[in-house]
Amino acid sequence: MKDEEKKKVEFETKAGSTNNKKDADERLPEADAIFKSLFNFSPDAIIVVNNKGRIPQANVQAEKIFGYTRKELIGKPVEILIPLRSGNAIMKK
């Protein structure tokens, strides 16, 4: 990157360089903790669906909106949350 005087400008992000596997491995627990906080304390419902159409994760807001506990959602097909008419339209695409 260059500044207005076309001098080379160097900077480091807060995360730093991830070129080194050891550095990345050391930061993994912190990144995981940040993800879990954002996921669990989001004001929006978040449901993760895997490539088989099953739910491996759901947050508290998803429980409130859909009326299922996380335990009831985990492992279930996402179609249990989609009304039949909407689901049919989505599945055809």
C-alpha atoms as a PDB file:
ATOM      1  CA  MET A   1       0.000   0.000   0.000  1.00  0.00           C
ATOM      2  CA  LYS A   2       1.289   3.524  -0.719  1.00  0.00           C
ATOM      3  CA  ASP A   3       0.449   6.849   0.900  1.00  0.00           C
ATOM      4  CA  GLU A   4      -0.194  10.155  -0.882  1.00  0.00           C
ATOM      5  CA  GLU A   5       3.548  10.722  -1.364  1.00  0.00           C
ATOM      6  CA  LYS A   6       3.799   7.247  -2.921  1.00  0.00           C
ATOM      7  CA  LYS A   7       5.961   5.944  -0.083  1.00  0.00           C
ATOM      8  CA  LYS A   8       5.499   2.374   0.956  1.00  0.00           C
ATOM      9  CA  VAL A   9       3.199   2.208   3.951  1.00  0.00           C
ATOM     10  CA  GLU A  10       3.253  -0.822   6.205  1.00  0.00           C
ATOM     11  CA  PHE A  11       0.650  -1.718   8.764  1.00  0.00           C
ATOM     12  CA  GLU A  12      -0.370  -4.670  10.830  1.00  0.00           C
ATOM     13  CA  THR A  13      -3.917  -5.636  11.606  1.00  0.00           C
ATOM     14  CA  LYS A  14      -4.936  -6.399  15.163  1.00  0.00           C
ATOM     15  CA  ALA A  15      -4.901 -10.081  14.315  1.00  0.00           C
ATOM     16  CA  GLY A  16      -1.386  -9.752  12.926  1.00  0.00           C
ATOM     17  CA  SER A  17       0.106 -12.022  10.333  1.00  0.00           C
ATOM     18  CA  THR A  18      -1.542 -15.410   9.942  1.00  0.00           C
ATOM     19  CA  ASN A  19       1.176 -16.744   7.678  1.00  0.00           C
ATOM     20  CA  ASN A  20       2.584 -18.704  10.544  1.00  0.00           C
ATOM     21  CA  LYS A  21       0.529 -21.781  11.496  1.00  0.00           C
ATOM     22  CA  LYS A  22       1.731 -21.581  15.083  1.00  0.00           C
ATOM     23  CA  ASP A  23       0.506 -17.992  15.396  1.00  0.00           C
ATOM     24  CA  ALA A  24      -2.847 -18.939  13.879  1.00  0.00           C
ATOM     25  CA  ASP A  25      -3.179 -21.919  16.210  1.00  0.00           C
ATOM     26  CA  GLU A  26      -2.428 -19.698  19.199  1.00  0.00           C
ATOM     27  CA  ARG A  27      -5.155 -17.227  18.168  1.00  0.00           C
ATOM     28  CA  LEU A  28      -7.761 -19.920  17.512  1.00  0.00           C
ATOM     29  CA  PRO A  29      -9.147 -20.060  21.081  1.00  0.00           C
ATOM     30  CA  GLU A  30      -9.638 -16.274  21.100  1.00  0.00           C
ATOM     31  CA  ALA A  31     -11.342 -16.330  17.692  1.00  0.00           C
ATOM     32  CA  ASP A  32     -13.550 -19.206  18.836  1.00  0.00           C
ATOM     33  CA  ALA A  33     -14.548 -17.278  21.976  1.00  0.00           C
ATOM     34  CA  ILE A  34     -15.412 -14.194  19.898  1.00  0.00           C
ATOM     35  CA  PHE A  35     -17.517 -16.291  17.493  1.00  0.00           C
ATOM     36  CA  LYS A  36     -19.372 -17.961  20.361  1.00  0.00           C
ATOM     37  CA  SER A  37     -20.134 -14.597  21.988  1.00  0.00           C
ATOM     38  CA  LEU A  38     -21.415 -13.080  18.743  1.00  0.00           C
ATOM     39  CA  PHE A  39     -23.439 -16.209  17.986  1.00  0.00           C
ATOM     40  CA  ASN A  40     -24.970 -16.604  21.439  1.00  0.00           C
ATOM     41  CA  PHE A  41     -25.636 -12.945  22.221  1.00  0.00           C
ATOM     42  CA  SER A  42     -26.856 -11.828  18.813  1.00  0.00           C
ATOM     43  CA  PRO A  43     -30.240 -10.096  18.934  1.00  0.00           C
ATOM     44  CA  ASP A  44     -31.125 -12.036  15.767  1.00  0.00           C
ATOM     45  CA  ALA A  45     -31.976 -15.696  15.392  1.00  0.00           C
ATOM     46  CA  ILE A  46     -29.089 -17.634  13.886  1.00  0.00           C
ATOM     47  CA  ILE A  47     -29.451 -21.188  12.643  1.00  0.00           C
ATOM     48  CA  VAL A  48     -26.545 -22.997  11.023  1.00  0.00           C
ATOM     49  CA  VAL A  49     -27.472 -25.568   8.392  1.00  0.00           C
ATOM     50  CA  ASN A  50     -24.921 -28.075   7.099  1.00  0.00           C
ATOM     51  CA  ASN A  51     -24.600 -29.388   3.560  1.00  0.00           C
ATOM     52  CA  LYS A  52     -27.015 -32.232   4.395  1.00  0.00           C
ATOM     53  CA  GLY A  53     -29.770 -29.785   5.365  1.00  0.00           C
ATOM     54  CA  ARG A  54     -29.432 -30.562   9.086  1.00  0.00           C
ATOM     55  CA  ILE A  55     -29.095 -28.075  11.942  1.00  0.00           C
ATOM     56  CA  PRO A  56     -25.831 -28.406  13.913  1.00  0.00           C
ATOM     57  CA  GLN A  57     -26.195 -25.084  15.787  1.00  0.00           C
ATOM     58  CA  ALA A  58     -28.863 -22.575  16.808  1.00  0.00           C
ATOM     59  CA  ASN A  59     -28.735 -19.622  19.167  1.00  0.00           C
ATOM     60  CA  VAL A  60     -31.048 -18.499  21.982  1.00  0.00           C
ATOM     61  CA  GLN A  61     -33.006 -16.111  19.745  1.00  0.00           C
ATOM     62  CA  ALA A  62     -33.763 -18.991  17.367  1.00  0.00           C
ATOM     63  CA  GLU A  63     -35.240 -20.877  20.315  1.00  0.00           C
ATOM     64  CA  LYS A  64     -37.469 -17.908  21.160  1.00  0.00           C
ATOM     65  CA  ILE A  65     -38.626 -17.276  17.597  1.00  0.00           C
ATOM     66  CA  PHE A  66     -39.242 -20.869  16.507  1.00  0.00           C
ATOM     67  CA  GLY A  67     -40.405 -22.279  19.833  1.00  0.00           C
ATOM     68  CA  TYR A  68     -37.969 -25.195  19.940  1.00  0.00           C
ATOM     69  CA  THR A  69     -35.115 -25.712  22.388  1.00  0.00           C
ATOM     70  CA  ARG A  70     -31.635 -26.015  20.928  1.00  0.00           C
ATOM     71  CA  LYS A  71     -31.644 -29.648  21.977  1.00  0.00           C
ATOM     72  CA  GLU A  72     -34.791 -30.180  19.882  1.00  0.00           C
ATOM     73  CA  LEU A  73     -33.296 -28.364  16.852  1.00  0.00           C
ATOM     74  CA  ILE A  74     -29.841 -29.947  16.755  1.00  0.00           C
ATOM     75  CA  GLY A  75     -29.671 -32.695  14.154  1.00  0.00           C
ATOM     76  CA  LYS A  76     -33.117 -31.983  12.717  1.00  0.00           C
ATOM     77  CA  PRO A  77     -33.720 -31.095   9.055  1.00  0.00           C
ATOM     78  CA  VAL A  78     -34.127 -27.358   8.496  1.00  0.00           C
ATOM     79  CA  GLU A  79     -37.494 -28.025   6.849  1.00  0.00           C
ATOM     80  CA  ILE A  80     -39.098 -28.304  10.305  1.00  0.00           C
ATOM     81  CA  LEU A  81     -38.760 -24.500  10.479  1.00  0.00           C
ATOM     82  CA  ILE A  82     -40.146 -23.744   7.010  1.00  0.00           C
ATOM     83  CA  PRO A  83     -43.923 -23.643   6.457  1.00  0.00           C
ATOM     84  CA  LEU A  84     -44.966 -26.275   3.926  1.00  0.00           C
ATOM     85  CA  ARG A  85     -45.971 -23.825   1.165  1.00  0.00           C
ATOM     86  CA  SER A  86     -42.770 -21.744   1.526  1.00  0.00           C
ATOM     87  CA  GLY A  87     -40.647 -24.847   1.868  1.00  0.00           C
ATOM     88  CA  ASN A  88     -41.924 -26.274  -1.375  1.00  0.00           C
ATOM     89  CA  ALA A  89     -41.049 -23.066  -3.241  1.00  0.00           C
ATOM     90  CA  ILE A  90     -37.597 -22.930  -1.654  1.00  0.00           C
ATOM     91  CA  MET A  91     -36.855 -26.589  -2.315  1.00  0.00           C
ATOM     92  CA  LYS A  92     -37.710 -26.227  -6.036  1.00  0.00           C
ATOM     93  CA  LYS A  93     -35.043 -23.544  -6.560  1.00  0.00           C
END
